Amino acid sequence: MTGGSGIREDVKRDSSRVSYEDERYFVGISSRETDAHNLLVNEAYAYIGRGIVKELARADAKRLRSSLEMIAPVILSEIDEKRIPIEELGWVLAKAAIREEEEFAAHLSSQLSAEK
């Protein structure tokens, strides 16, 4: 990913689907690996490996902070520097995970309907 103001566009381009987006956050499914995610908080970017977003979405604030220290320290630095409540990121990740589950359920439902 390149730095600067084009980071959001680069992250979007590298995402096959958007799970959550607002003015501060972007969570998208990476086009590089199934179930891996691109995470953007303001201009801070992290590639979150396979299956991790669901775990982070279920984590309490202490566990989320600890996990970010290991897998996405740049995101944690951004949260700390901008004084963003860690719980806010937790809600964003939960919303992204819920949307993905809803999309998967809709996909399964459409497959079942097509088989009938």
PDB file of N, CA and C in Angstrom:
ATOM      1  N   MET A   1       0.844  -1.183   0.000  1.00  0.00           N
ATOM      2  CA  MET A   1       0.000   0.000   0.000  1.00  0.00           C
ATOM      3  C   MET A   1       0.886   1.242   0.000  1.00  0.00           C
ATOM      4  N   THR A   2       0.449   2.223  -0.720  1.00  0.00           N
ATOM      5  CA  THR A   2       1.184   3.479  -0.731  1.00  0.00           C
ATOM      6  C   THR A   2       0.706   4.369   0.397  1.00  0.00           C
ATOM      7  N   GLY A   3       1.530   5.328   0.790  1.00  0.00           N
ATOM      8  CA  GLY A   3       1.156   6.239   1.877  1.00  0.00           C
ATOM      9  C   GLY A   3       0.385   7.430   1.348  1.00  0.00           C
ATOM     10  N   GLY A   4       0.007   8.315   2.240  1.00  0.00           N
ATOM     11  CA  GLY A   4      -0.631   9.552   1.845  1.00  0.00           C
ATOM     12  C   GLY A   4      -2.128   9.440   1.693  1.00  0.00           C
ATOM     13  N   SER A   5      -2.703  10.451   1.043  1.00  0.00           N
ATOM     14  CA  SER A   5      -4.157  10.566   0.973  1.00  0.00           C
ATOM     15  C   SER A   5      -4.815   9.509   0.109  1.00  0.00           C
ATOM     16  N   GLY A   6      -4.068   8.825  -0.745  1.00  0.00           N
ATOM     17  CA  GLY A   6      -4.636   7.795  -1.599  1.00  0.00           C
ATOM     18  C   GLY A   6      -4.733   6.438  -0.949  1.00  0.00           C
ATOM     19  N   ILE A   7      -4.384   6.338   0.315  1.00  0.00           N
ATOM     20  CA  ILE A   7      -4.386   5.033   0.981  1.00  0.00           C
ATOM     21  C   ILE A   7      -5.771   4.401   0.976  1.00  0.00           C
ATOM     22  N   ARG A   8      -6.810   5.177   1.214  1.00  0.00           N
ATOM     23  CA  ARG A   8      -8.169   4.608   1.236  1.00  0.00           C
ATOM     24  C   ARG A   8      -8.515   4.013  -0.128  1.00  0.00           C
ATOM     25  N   GLU A   9      -8.191   4.710  -1.180  1.00  0.00           N
ATOM     26  CA  GLU A   9      -8.466   4.195  -2.521  1.00  0.00           C
ATOM     27  C   GLU A   9      -7.671   2.924  -2.792  1.00  0.00           C
ATOM     28  N   ASP A  10      -6.398   2.896  -2.350  1.00  0.00           N
ATOM     29  CA  ASP A  10      -5.576   1.695  -2.524  1.00  0.00           C
ATOM     30  C   ASP A  10      -6.158   0.510  -1.762  1.00  0.00           C
ATOM     31  N   VAL A  11      -6.604   0.762  -0.543  1.00  0.00           N
ATOM     32  CA  VAL A  11      -7.166  -0.308   0.286  1.00  0.00           C
ATOM     33  C   VAL A  11      -8.472  -0.798  -0.321  1.00  0.00           C
ATOM     34  N   LYS A  12      -9.301   0.112  -0.792  1.00  0.00           N
ATOM     35  CA  LYS A  12     -10.549  -0.291  -1.445  1.00  0.00           C
ATOM     36  C   LYS A  12     -10.272  -1.137  -2.682  1.00  0.00           C
ATOM     37  N   ARG A  13      -9.313  -0.717  -3.463  1.00  0.00           N
ATOM     38  CA  ARG A  13      -8.957  -1.426  -4.688  1.00  0.00           C
ATOM     39  C   ARG A  13      -8.469  -2.842  -4.378  1.00  0.00           C
ATOM     40  N   ASP A  14      -7.809  -3.007  -3.248  1.00  0.00           N
ATOM     41  CA  ASP A  14      -7.287  -4.320  -2.858  1.00  0.00           C
ATOM     42  C   ASP A  14      -8.334  -5.170  -2.135  1.00  0.00           C
ATOM     43  N   SER A  15      -9.535  -4.653  -1.962  1.00  0.00           N
ATOM     44  CA  SER A  15     -10.579  -5.382  -1.243  1.00  0.00           C
ATOM     45  C   SER A  15     -11.616  -5.909  -2.230  1.00  0.00           C
ATOM     46  N   SER A  16     -11.936  -7.177  -2.095  1.00  0.00           N
ATOM     47  CA  SER A  16     -12.945  -7.762  -2.983  1.00  0.00           C
ATOM     48  C   SER A  16     -14.356  -7.368  -2.549  1.00  0.00           C
ATOM     49  N   ARG A  17     -14.553  -7.125  -1.254  1.00  0.00           N
ATOM     50  CA  ARG A  17     -15.843  -6.685  -0.723  1.00  0.00           C
ATOM     51  C   ARG A  17     -15.604  -5.761   0.460  1.00  0.00           C
ATOM     52  N   VAL A  18     -16.553  -4.870   0.692  1.00  0.00           N
ATOM     53  CA  VAL A  18     -16.491  -3.959   1.834  1.00  0.00           C
ATOM     54  C   VAL A  18     -17.398  -4.515   2.923  1.00  0.00           C
ATOM     55  N   SER A  19     -16.848  -4.702   4.114  1.00  0.00           N
ATOM     56  CA  SER A  19     -17.628  -5.187   5.249  1.00  0.00           C
ATOM     57  C   SER A  19     -18.127  -4.043   6.119  1.00  0.00           C
ATOM     58  N   TYR A  20     -17.356  -2.960   6.168  1.00  0.00           N
ATOM     59  CA  TYR A  20     -17.747  -1.782   6.941  1.00  0.00           C
ATOM     60  C   TYR A  20     -16.959  -0.591   6.420  1.00  0.00           C
ATOM     61  N   GLU A  21     -17.651   0.550   6.349  1.00  0.00           N
ATOM     62  CA  GLU A  21     -16.950   1.770   5.951  1.00  0.00           C
ATOM     63  C   GLU A  21     -17.680   2.984   6.505  1.00  0.00           C
ATOM     64  N   ASP A  22     -16.921   3.896   7.065  1.00  0.00           N
ATOM     65  CA  ASP A  22     -17.400   5.225   7.411  1.00  0.00           C
ATOM     66  C   ASP A  22     -16.228   6.179   7.223  1.00  0.00           C
ATOM     67  N   GLU A  23     -16.367   7.411   7.701  1.00  0.00           N
ATOM     68  CA  GLU A  23     -15.315   8.410   7.462  1.00  0.00           C
ATOM     69  C   GLU A  23     -13.991   8.070   8.141  1.00  0.00           C
ATOM     70  N   ARG A  24     -14.005   7.280   9.203  1.00  0.00           N
ATOM     71  CA  ARG A  24     -12.787   6.946   9.937  1.00  0.00           C
ATOM     72  C   ARG A  24     -12.286   5.531   9.642  1.00  0.00           C
ATOM     73  N   TYR A  25     -13.196   4.608   9.432  1.00  0.00           N
ATOM     74  CA  TYR A  25     -12.837   3.192   9.337  1.00  0.00           C
ATOM     75  C   TYR A  25     -13.164   2.606   7.975  1.00  0.00           C
ATOM     76  N   PHE A  26     -12.371   1.623   7.617  1.00  0.00           N
ATOM     77  CA  PHE A  26     -12.665   0.793   6.449  1.00  0.00           C
ATOM     78  C   PHE A  26     -12.249  -0.629   6.797  1.00  0.00           C
ATOM     79  N   VAL A  27     -13.165  -1.568   6.614  1.00  0.00           N
ATOM     80  CA  VAL A  27     -12.872  -2.984   6.780  1.00  0.00           C
ATOM     81  C   VAL A  27     -13.341  -3.662   5.509  1.00  0.00           C
ATOM     82  N   GLY A  28     -12.413  -4.291   4.812  1.00  0.00           N
ATOM     83  CA  GLY A  28     -12.749  -4.980   3.567  1.00  0.00           C
ATOM     84  C   GLY A  28     -12.088  -6.337   3.507  1.00  0.00           C
ATOM     85  N   ILE A  29     -12.706  -7.228   2.777  1.00  0.00           N
ATOM     86  CA  ILE A  29     -12.129  -8.554   2.592  1.00  0.00           C
ATOM     87  C   ILE A  29     -11.046  -8.436   1.540  1.00  0.00           C
ATOM     88  N   SER A  30      -9.868  -8.890   1.874  1.00  0.00           N
ATOM     89  CA  SER A  30      -8.722  -8.775   0.984  1.00  0.00           C
ATOM     90  C   SER A  30      -8.903  -9.639  -0.257  1.00  0.00           C
ATOM     91  N   SER A  31      -8.498  -9.117  -1.379  1.00  0.00           N
ATOM     92  CA  SER A  31      -8.530  -9.907  -2.610  1.00  0.00           C
ATOM     93  C   SER A  31      -7.344 -10.861  -2.687  1.00  0.00           C
ATOM     94  N   ARG A  32      -6.399 -10.731  -1.750  1.00  0.00           N
ATOM     95  CA  ARG A  32      -5.200 -11.574  -1.753  1.00  0.00           C
ATOM     96  C   ARG A  32      -5.411 -12.934  -1.106  1.00  0.00           C
ATOM     97  N   GLU A  33      -6.334 -13.014  -0.143  1.00  0.00           N
ATOM     98  CA  GLU A  33      -6.516 -14.260   0.603  1.00  0.00           C
ATOM     99  C   GLU A  33      -7.943 -14.328   1.128  1.00  0.00           C
ATOM    100  N   THR A  34      -8.580 -15.467   0.964  1.00  0.00           N
ATOM    101  CA  THR A  34      -9.936 -15.651   1.469  1.00  0.00           C
ATOM    102  C   THR A  34      -9.964 -15.455   2.980  1.00  0.00           C
ATOM    103  N   ASP A  35     -10.909 -14.687   3.451  1.00  0.00           N
ATOM    104  CA  ASP A  35     -11.146 -14.441   4.876  1.00  0.00           C
ATOM    105  C   ASP A  35     -10.033 -13.645   5.559  1.00  0.00           C
ATOM    106  N   ALA A  36      -9.189 -12.994   4.793  1.00  0.00           N
ATOM    107  CA  ALA A  36      -8.233 -12.038   5.355  1.00  0.00           C
ATOM    108  C   ALA A  36      -8.815 -10.645   5.100  1.00  0.00           C
ATOM    109  N   HIS A  37      -8.391  -9.676   5.901  1.00  0.00           N
ATOM    110  CA  HIS A  37      -9.024  -8.364   5.840  1.00  0.00           C
ATOM    111  C   HIS A  37      -8.018  -7.228   5.731  1.00  0.00           C
ATOM    112  N   ASN A  38      -8.465  -6.183   5.069  1.00  0.00           N
ATOM    113  CA  ASN A  38      -7.775  -4.900   5.061  1.00  0.00           C
ATOM    114  C   ASN A  38      -8.487  -4.035   6.092  1.00  0.00           C
ATOM    115  N   LEU A  39      -7.717  -3.452   6.996  1.00  0.00           N
ATOM    116  CA  LEU A  39      -8.265  -2.592   8.038  1.00  0.00           C
ATOM    117  C   LEU A  39      -7.587  -1.238   7.952  1.00  0.00           C
ATOM    118  N   LEU A  40      -8.407  -0.205   7.921  1.00  0.00           N
ATOM    119  CA  LEU A  40      -7.903   1.159   7.861  1.00  0.00           C
ATOM    120  C   LEU A  40      -8.583   1.967   8.953  1.00  0.00           C
ATOM    121  N   VAL A  41      -7.773   2.630   9.760  1.00  0.00           N
ATOM    122  CA  VAL A  41      -8.263   3.576  10.762  1.00  0.00           C
ATOM    123  C   VAL A  41      -7.590   4.893  10.420  1.00  0.00           C
ATOM    124  N   ASN A  42      -8.393   5.843   9.973  1.00  0.00           N
ATOM    125  CA  ASN A  42      -7.868   7.090   9.418  1.00  0.00           C
ATOM    126  C   ASN A  42      -6.912   6.729   8.296  1.00  0.00           C
ATOM    127  N   GLU A  43      -5.633   7.010   8.432  1.00  0.00           N
ATOM    128  CA  GLU A  43      -4.641   6.676   7.400  1.00  0.00           C
ATOM    129  C   GLU A  43      -3.758   5.498   7.808  1.00  0.00           C
ATOM    130  N   ALA A  44      -4.051   4.877   8.936  1.00  0.00           N
ATOM    131  CA  ALA A  44      -3.248   3.741   9.425  1.00  0.00           C
ATOM    132  C   ALA A  44      -3.836   2.448   8.872  1.00  0.00           C
ATOM    133  N   TYR A  45      -2.992   1.668   8.216  1.00  0.00           N
ATOM    134  CA  TYR A  45      -3.422   0.452   7.532  1.00  0.00           C
ATOM    135  C   TYR A  45      -2.808  -0.793   8.178  1.00  0.00           C
ATOM    136  N   ALA A  46      -3.611  -1.860   8.205  1.00  0.00           N
ATOM    137  CA  ALA A  46      -3.098  -3.164   8.624  1.00  0.00           C
ATOM    138  C   ALA A  46      -3.783  -4.254   7.818  1.00  0.00           C
ATOM    139  N   TYR A  47      -3.006  -5.246   7.477  1.00  0.00           N
ATOM    140  CA  TYR A  47      -3.520  -6.463   6.837  1.00  0.00           C
ATOM    141  C   TYR A  47      -3.747  -7.462   7.959  1.00  0.00           C
ATOM    142  N   ILE A  48      -4.988  -7.889   8.119  1.00  0.00           N
ATOM    143  CA  ILE A  48      -5.353  -8.790   9.203  1.00  0.00           C
ATOM    144  C   ILE A  48      -5.554 -10.178   8.604  1.00  0.00           C
ATOM    145  N   GLY A  49      -4.736 -11.110   9.037  1.00  0.00           N
ATOM    146  CA  GLY A  49      -4.750 -12.461   8.485  1.00  0.00           C
ATOM    147  C   GLY A  49      -6.054 -13.202   8.668  1.00  0.00           C
ATOM    148  N   ARG A  50      -6.107 -14.315   8.041  1.00  0.00           N
ATOM    149  CA  ARG A  50      -7.298 -15.164   7.964  1.00  0.00           C
ATOM    150  C   ARG A  50      -7.933 -15.450   9.328  1.00  0.00           C
ATOM    151  N   GLY A  51      -9.229 -15.192   9.433  1.00  0.00           N
ATOM    152  CA  GLY A  51     -10.007 -15.542  10.607  1.00  0.00           C
ATOM    153  C   GLY A  51      -9.843 -14.650  11.821  1.00  0.00           C
ATOM    154  N   ILE A  52      -8.988 -13.672  11.762  1.00  0.00           N
ATOM    155  CA  ILE A  52      -8.682 -12.860  12.939  1.00  0.00           C
ATOM    156  C   ILE A  52      -9.780 -11.838  13.243  1.00  0.00           C
ATOM    157  N   VAL A  53     -10.405 -11.279  12.225  1.00  0.00           N
ATOM    158  CA  VAL A  53     -11.409 -10.240  12.463  1.00  0.00           C
ATOM    159  C   VAL A  53     -12.551 -10.771  13.326  1.00  0.00           C
ATOM    160  N   LYS A  54     -12.988 -11.984  13.070  1.00  0.00           N
ATOM    161  CA  LYS A  54     -14.074 -12.554  13.887  1.00  0.00           C
ATOM    162  C   LYS A  54     -13.651 -12.665  15.346  1.00  0.00           C
ATOM    163  N   GLU A  55     -12.414 -13.048  15.575  1.00  0.00           N
ATOM    164  CA  GLU A  55     -11.908 -13.140  16.951  1.00  0.00           C
ATOM    165  C   GLU A  55     -11.808 -11.764  17.595  1.00  0.00           C
ATOM    166  N   LEU A  56     -11.302 -10.795  16.850  1.00  0.00           N
ATOM    167  CA  LEU A  56     -11.206  -9.432  17.378  1.00  0.00           C
ATOM    168  C   LEU A  56     -12.584  -8.849  17.658  1.00  0.00           C
ATOM    169  N   ALA A  57     -13.551  -9.194  16.831  1.00  0.00           N
ATOM    170  CA  ALA A  57     -14.914  -8.681  17.000  1.00  0.00           C
ATOM    171  C   ALA A  57     -15.542  -9.173  18.303  1.00  0.00           C
ATOM    172  N   ARG A  58     -15.085 -10.310  18.795  1.00  0.00           N
ATOM    173  CA  ARG A  58     -15.630 -10.888  20.027  1.00  0.00           C
ATOM    174  C   ARG A  58     -14.815 -10.517  21.267  1.00  0.00           C
ATOM    175  N   ALA A  59     -13.698  -9.863  21.066  1.00  0.00           N
ATOM    176  CA  ALA A  59     -12.780  -9.570  22.170  1.00  0.00           C
ATOM    177  C   ALA A  59     -13.261  -8.401  23.023  1.00  0.00           C
ATOM    178  N   ASP A  60     -12.974  -8.473  24.313  1.00  0.00           N
ATOM    179  CA  ASP A  60     -13.220  -7.312  25.166  1.00  0.00           C
ATOM    180  C   ASP A  60     -12.102  -6.297  24.910  1.00  0.00           C
ATOM    181  N   ALA A  61     -12.217  -5.125  25.497  1.00  0.00           N
ATOM    182  CA  ALA A  61     -11.269  -4.033  25.225  1.00  0.00           C
ATOM    183  C   ALA A  61      -9.830  -4.425  25.552  1.00  0.00           C
ATOM    184  N   LYS A  62      -9.615  -5.113  26.664  1.00  0.00           N
ATOM    185  CA  LYS A  62      -8.261  -5.491  27.066  1.00  0.00           C
ATOM    186  C   LYS A  62      -7.652  -6.483  26.073  1.00  0.00           C
ATOM    187  N   ARG A  63      -8.430  -7.470  25.677  1.00  0.00           N
ATOM    188  CA  ARG A  63      -7.931  -8.470  24.725  1.00  0.00           C
ATOM    189  C   ARG A  63      -7.742  -7.871  23.340  1.00  0.00           C
ATOM    190  N   LEU A  64      -8.625  -6.960  22.940  1.00  0.00           N
ATOM    191  CA  LEU A  64      -8.483  -6.294  21.646  1.00  0.00           C
ATOM    192  C   LEU A  64      -7.192  -5.490  21.606  1.00  0.00           C
ATOM    193  N   ARG A  65      -6.929  -4.740  22.652  1.00  0.00           N
ATOM    194  CA  ARG A  65      -5.691  -3.957  22.734  1.00  0.00           C
ATOM    195  C   ARG A  65      -4.470  -4.869  22.659  1.00  0.00           C
ATOM    196  N   SER A  66      -4.481  -5.946  23.424  1.00  0.00           N
ATOM    197  CA  SER A  66      -3.366  -6.885  23.437  1.00  0.00           C
ATOM    198  C   SER A  66      -3.152  -7.523  22.056  1.00  0.00           C
ATOM    199  N   SER A  67      -4.235  -7.886  21.409  1.00  0.00           N
ATOM    200  CA  SER A  67      -4.133  -8.485  20.078  1.00  0.00           C
ATOM    201  C   SER A  67      -3.587  -7.494  19.060  1.00  0.00           C
ATOM    202  N   LEU A  68      -4.055  -6.255  19.126  1.00  0.00           N
ATOM    203  CA  LEU A  68      -3.565  -5.236  18.200  1.00  0.00           C
ATOM    204  C   LEU A  68      -2.080  -4.960  18.400  1.00  0.00           C
ATOM    205  N   GLU A  69      -1.612  -5.032  19.645  1.00  0.00           N
ATOM    206  CA  GLU A  69      -0.176  -4.859  19.902  1.00  0.00           C
ATOM    207  C   GLU A  69       0.646  -5.863  19.097  1.00  0.00           C
ATOM    208  N   MET A  70       0.119  -7.074  18.943  1.00  0.00           N
ATOM    209  CA  MET A  70       0.852  -8.130  18.241  1.00  0.00           C
ATOM    210  C   MET A  70       0.652  -8.096  16.736  1.00  0.00           C
ATOM    211  N   ILE A  71      -0.579  -7.884  16.284  1.00  0.00           N
ATOM    212  CA  ILE A  71      -0.855  -8.057  14.853  1.00  0.00           C
ATOM    213  C   ILE A  71      -1.010  -6.758  14.065  1.00  0.00           C
ATOM    214  N   ALA A  72      -1.293  -5.654  14.744  1.00  0.00           N
ATOM    215  CA  ALA A  72      -1.522  -4.391  14.038  1.00  0.00           C
ATOM    216  C   ALA A  72      -1.099  -3.202  14.903  1.00  0.00           C
ATOM    217  N   PRO A  73       0.184  -3.127  15.259  1.00  0.00           N
ATOM    218  CA  PRO A  73       0.622  -2.041  16.145  1.00  0.00           C
ATOM    219  C   PRO A  73       0.396  -0.650  15.556  1.00  0.00           C
ATOM    220  N   VAL A  74       0.421  -0.517  14.242  1.00  0.00           N
ATOM    221  CA  VAL A  74       0.186   0.798  13.633  1.00  0.00           C
ATOM    222  C   VAL A  74      -1.253   1.251  13.891  1.00  0.00           C
ATOM    223  N   ILE A  75      -2.191   0.329  13.905  1.00  0.00           N
ATOM    224  CA  ILE A  75      -3.589   0.659  14.207  1.00  0.00           C
ATOM    225  C   ILE A  75      -3.711   1.083  15.666  1.00  0.00           C
ATOM    226  N   LEU A  76      -3.077   0.350  16.550  1.00  0.00           N
ATOM    227  CA  LEU A  76      -3.119   0.691  17.968  1.00  0.00           C
ATOM    228  C   LEU A  76      -2.493   2.060  18.209  1.00  0.00           C
ATOM    229  N   SER A  77      -1.400   2.351  17.536  1.00  0.00           N
ATOM    230  CA  SER A  77      -0.772   3.679  17.668  1.00  0.00           C
ATOM    231  C   SER A  77      -1.713   4.785  17.226  1.00  0.00           C
ATOM    232  N   GLU A  78      -2.408   4.561  16.123  1.00  0.00           N
ATOM    233  CA  GLU A  78      -3.364   5.560  15.620  1.00  0.00           C
ATOM    234  C   GLU A  78      -4.491   5.778  16.621  1.00  0.00           C
ATOM    235  N   ILE A  79      -4.999   4.706  17.176  1.00  0.00           N
ATOM    236  CA  ILE A  79      -6.072   4.798  18.171  1.00  0.00           C
ATOM    237  C   ILE A  79      -5.598   5.581  19.392  1.00  0.00           C
ATOM    238  N   ASP A  80      -4.405   5.274  19.847  1.00  0.00           N
ATOM    239  CA  ASP A  80      -3.869   5.969  21.018  1.00  0.00           C
ATOM    240  C   ASP A  80      -3.572   7.437  20.727  1.00  0.00           C
ATOM    241  N   GLU A  81      -2.941   7.713  19.582  1.00  0.00           N
ATOM    242  CA  GLU A  81      -2.580   9.087  19.236  1.00  0.00           C
ATOM    243  C   GLU A  81      -3.805   9.984  19.059  1.00  0.00           C
ATOM    244  N   LYS A  82      -4.854   9.434  18.447  1.00  0.00           N
ATOM    245  CA  LYS A  82      -6.060  10.222  18.186  1.00  0.00           C
ATOM    246  C   LYS A  82      -7.087  10.095  19.309  1.00  0.00           C
ATOM    247  N   ARG A  83      -6.721   9.355  20.339  1.00  0.00           N
ATOM    248  CA  ARG A  83      -7.602   9.146  21.504  1.00  0.00           C
ATOM    249  C   ARG A  83      -8.974   8.596  21.118  1.00  0.00           C
ATOM    250  N   ILE A  84      -8.926   7.613  20.260  1.00  0.00           N
ATOM    251  CA  ILE A  84     -10.136   6.912  19.845  1.00  0.00           C
ATOM    252  C   ILE A  84     -10.375   5.793  20.852  1.00  0.00           C
ATOM    253  N   PRO A  85     -11.563   5.691  21.394  1.00  0.00           N
ATOM    254  CA  PRO A  85     -11.828   4.599  22.336  1.00  0.00           C
ATOM    255  C   PRO A  85     -11.669   3.237  21.647  1.00  0.00           C
ATOM    256  N   ILE A  86     -10.940   2.348  22.271  1.00  0.00           N
ATOM    257  CA  ILE A  86     -10.713   1.015  21.703  1.00  0.00           C
ATOM    258  C   ILE A  86     -12.038   0.292  21.468  1.00  0.00           C
ATOM    259  N   GLU A  87     -13.031   0.600  22.308  1.00  0.00           N
ATOM    260  CA  GLU A  87     -14.354  -0.015  22.154  1.00  0.00           C
ATOM    261  C   GLU A  87     -15.004   0.377  20.827  1.00  0.00           C
ATOM    262  N   GLU A  88     -14.687   1.580  20.344  1.00  0.00           N
ATOM    263  CA  GLU A  88     -15.234   2.024  19.059  1.00  0.00           C
ATOM    264  C   GLU A  88     -14.748   1.105  17.938  1.00  0.00           C
ATOM    265  N   LEU A  89     -13.462   0.793  17.944  1.00  0.00           N
ATOM    266  CA  LEU A  89     -12.944  -0.147  16.952  1.00  0.00           C
ATOM    267  C   LEU A  89     -13.582  -1.522  17.139  1.00  0.00           C
ATOM    268  N   GLY A  90     -13.794  -1.929  18.376  1.00  0.00           N
ATOM    269  CA  GLY A  90     -14.456  -3.199  18.639  1.00  0.00           C
ATOM    270  C   GLY A  90     -15.841  -3.259  18.012  1.00  0.00           C
ATOM    271  N   TRP A  91     -16.609  -2.164  18.138  1.00  0.00           N
ATOM    272  CA  TRP A  91     -17.931  -2.105  17.518  1.00  0.00           C
ATOM    273  C   TRP A  91     -17.840  -2.181  16.006  1.00  0.00           C
ATOM    274  N   VAL A  92     -16.871  -1.485  15.431  1.00  0.00           N
ATOM    275  CA  VAL A  92     -16.685  -1.516  13.981  1.00  0.00           C
ATOM    276  C   VAL A  92     -16.392  -2.943  13.519  1.00  0.00           C
ATOM    277  N   LEU A  93     -15.492  -3.615  14.205  1.00  0.00           N
ATOM    278  CA  LEU A  93     -15.153  -4.986  13.832  1.00  0.00           C
ATOM    279  C   LEU A  93     -16.348  -5.920  14.005  1.00  0.00           C
ATOM    280  N   ALA A  94     -17.130  -5.701  15.057  1.00  0.00           N
ATOM    281  CA  ALA A  94     -18.326  -6.514  15.265  1.00  0.00           C
ATOM    282  C   ALA A  94     -19.333  -6.286  14.135  1.00  0.00           C
ATOM    283  N   LYS A  95     -19.531  -5.038  13.742  1.00  0.00           N
ATOM    284  CA  LYS A  95     -20.456  -4.734  12.646  1.00  0.00           C
ATOM    285  C   LYS A  95     -19.979  -5.374  11.340  1.00  0.00           C
ATOM    286  N   ALA A  96     -18.671  -5.327  11.092  1.00  0.00           N
ATOM    287  CA  ALA A  96     -18.117  -5.951   9.890  1.00  0.00           C
ATOM    288  C   ALA A  96     -18.342  -7.465   9.914  1.00  0.00           C
ATOM    289  N   ALA A  97     -18.077  -8.087  11.042  1.00  0.00           N
ATOM    290  CA  ALA A  97     -18.258  -9.538  11.163  1.00  0.00           C
ATOM    291  C   ALA A  97     -19.726  -9.922  10.992  1.00  0.00           C
ATOM    292  N   ILE A  98     -20.629  -9.137  11.562  1.00  0.00           N
ATOM    293  CA  ILE A  98     -22.066  -9.411  11.416  1.00  0.00           C
ATOM    294  C   ILE A  98     -22.485  -9.304   9.952  1.00  0.00           C
ATOM    295  N   ARG A  99     -22.027  -8.281   9.285  1.00  0.00           N
ATOM    296  CA  ARG A  99     -22.376  -8.115   7.870  1.00  0.00           C
ATOM    297  C   ARG A  99     -21.884  -9.297   7.048  1.00  0.00           C
ATOM    298  N   GLU A 100     -20.682  -9.753   7.322  1.00  0.00           N
ATOM    299  CA  GLU A 100     -20.144 -10.898   6.591  1.00  0.00           C
ATOM    300  C   GLU A 100     -20.971 -12.157   6.850  1.00  0.00           C
ATOM    301  N   GLU A 101     -21.391 -12.358   8.092  1.00  0.00           N
ATOM    302  CA  GLU A 101     -22.226 -13.515   8.418  1.00  0.00           C
ATOM    303  C   GLU A 101     -23.583 -13.418   7.720  1.00  0.00           C
ATOM    304  N   GLU A 102     -24.161 -12.218   7.678  1.00  0.00           N
ATOM    305  CA  GLU A 102     -25.433 -12.021   6.987  1.00  0.00           C
ATOM    306  C   GLU A 102     -25.295 -12.296   5.491  1.00  0.00           C
ATOM    307  N   GLU A 103     -24.200 -11.830   4.888  1.00  0.00           N
ATOM    308  CA  GLU A 103     -23.969 -12.077   3.469  1.00  0.00           C
ATOM    309  C   GLU A 103     -23.785 -13.567   3.195  1.00  0.00           C
ATOM    310  N   PHE A 104     -23.089 -14.255   4.085  1.00  0.00           N
ATOM    311  CA  PHE A 104     -22.883 -15.694   3.924  1.00  0.00           C
ATOM    312  C   PHE A 104     -24.210 -16.438   4.050  1.00  0.00           C
ATOM    313  N   ALA A 105     -25.027 -16.053   5.014  1.00  0.00           N
ATOM    314  CA  ALA A 105     -26.342 -16.684   5.190  1.00  0.00           C
ATOM    315  C   ALA A 105     -27.221 -16.453   3.960  1.00  0.00           C
ATOM    316  N   ALA A 106     -27.193 -15.249   3.405  1.00  0.00           N
ATOM    317  CA  ALA A 106     -27.960 -14.949   2.201  1.00  0.00           C
ATOM    318  C   ALA A 106     -27.475 -15.790   1.024  1.00  0.00           C
ATOM    319  N   HIS A 107     -26.171 -15.952   0.927  1.00  0.00           N
ATOM    320  CA  HIS A 107     -25.584 -16.779  -0.133  1.00  0.00           C
ATOM    321  C   HIS A 107     -26.050 -18.226  -0.001  1.00  0.00           C
ATOM    322  N   LEU A 108     -25.999 -18.773   1.213  1.00  0.00           N
ATOM    323  CA  LEU A 108     -26.452 -20.148   1.433  1.00  0.00           C
ATOM    324  C   LEU A 108     -27.935 -20.296   1.122  1.00  0.00           C
ATOM    325  N   SER A 109     -28.719 -19.311   1.526  1.00  0.00           N
ATOM    326  CA  SER A 109     -30.146 -19.345   1.269  1.00  0.00           C
ATOM    327  C   SER A 109     -30.445 -19.338  -0.230  1.00  0.00           C
ATOM    328  N   SER A 110     -29.717 -18.519  -0.969  1.00  0.00           N
ATOM    329  CA  SER A 110     -29.935 -18.464  -2.418  1.00  0.00           C
ATOM    330  C   SER A 110     -29.516 -19.775  -3.076  1.00  0.00           C
ATOM    331  N   GLN A 111     -28.486 -20.422  -2.568  1.00  0.00           N
ATOM    332  CA  GLN A 111     -28.071 -21.720  -3.107  1.00  0.00           C
ATOM    333  C   GLN A 111     -29.146 -22.777  -2.848  1.00  0.00           C
ATOM    334  N   LEU A 112     -29.709 -22.765  -1.652  1.00  0.00           N
ATOM    335  CA  LEU A 112     -30.766 -23.716  -1.326  1.00  0.00           C
ATOM    336  C   LEU A 112     -31.996 -23.496  -2.204  1.00  0.00           C
ATOM    337  N   SER A 113     -32.335 -22.231  -2.421  1.00  0.00           N
ATOM    338  CA  SER A 113     -33.483 -21.905  -3.268  1.00  0.00           C
ATOM    339  C   SER A 113     -33.252 -22.364  -4.701  1.00  0.00           C
ATOM    340  N   ALA A 114     -32.038 -22.224  -5.176  1.00  0.00           N
ATOM    341  CA  ALA A 114     -31.697 -22.614  -6.550  1.00  0.00           C
ATOM    342  C   ALA A 114     -31.751 -24.126  -6.720  1.00  0.00           C
ATOM    343  N   GLU A 115     -31.472 -24.869  -5.653  1.00  0.00           N
ATOM    344  CA  GLU A 115     -31.476 -26.326  -5.721  1.00  0.00           C
ATOM    345  C   GLU A 115     -32.890 -26.898  -5.748  1.00  0.00           C
ATOM    346  N   LYS A 116     -33.879 -26.148  -5.300  1.00  0.00           N
ATOM    347  CA  LYS A 116     -35.263 -26.651  -5.222  1.00  0.00           C
ATOM    348  C   LYS A 116     -35.940 -26.643  -6.566  1.00  0.00           C
TER     349      LYS A 116
END
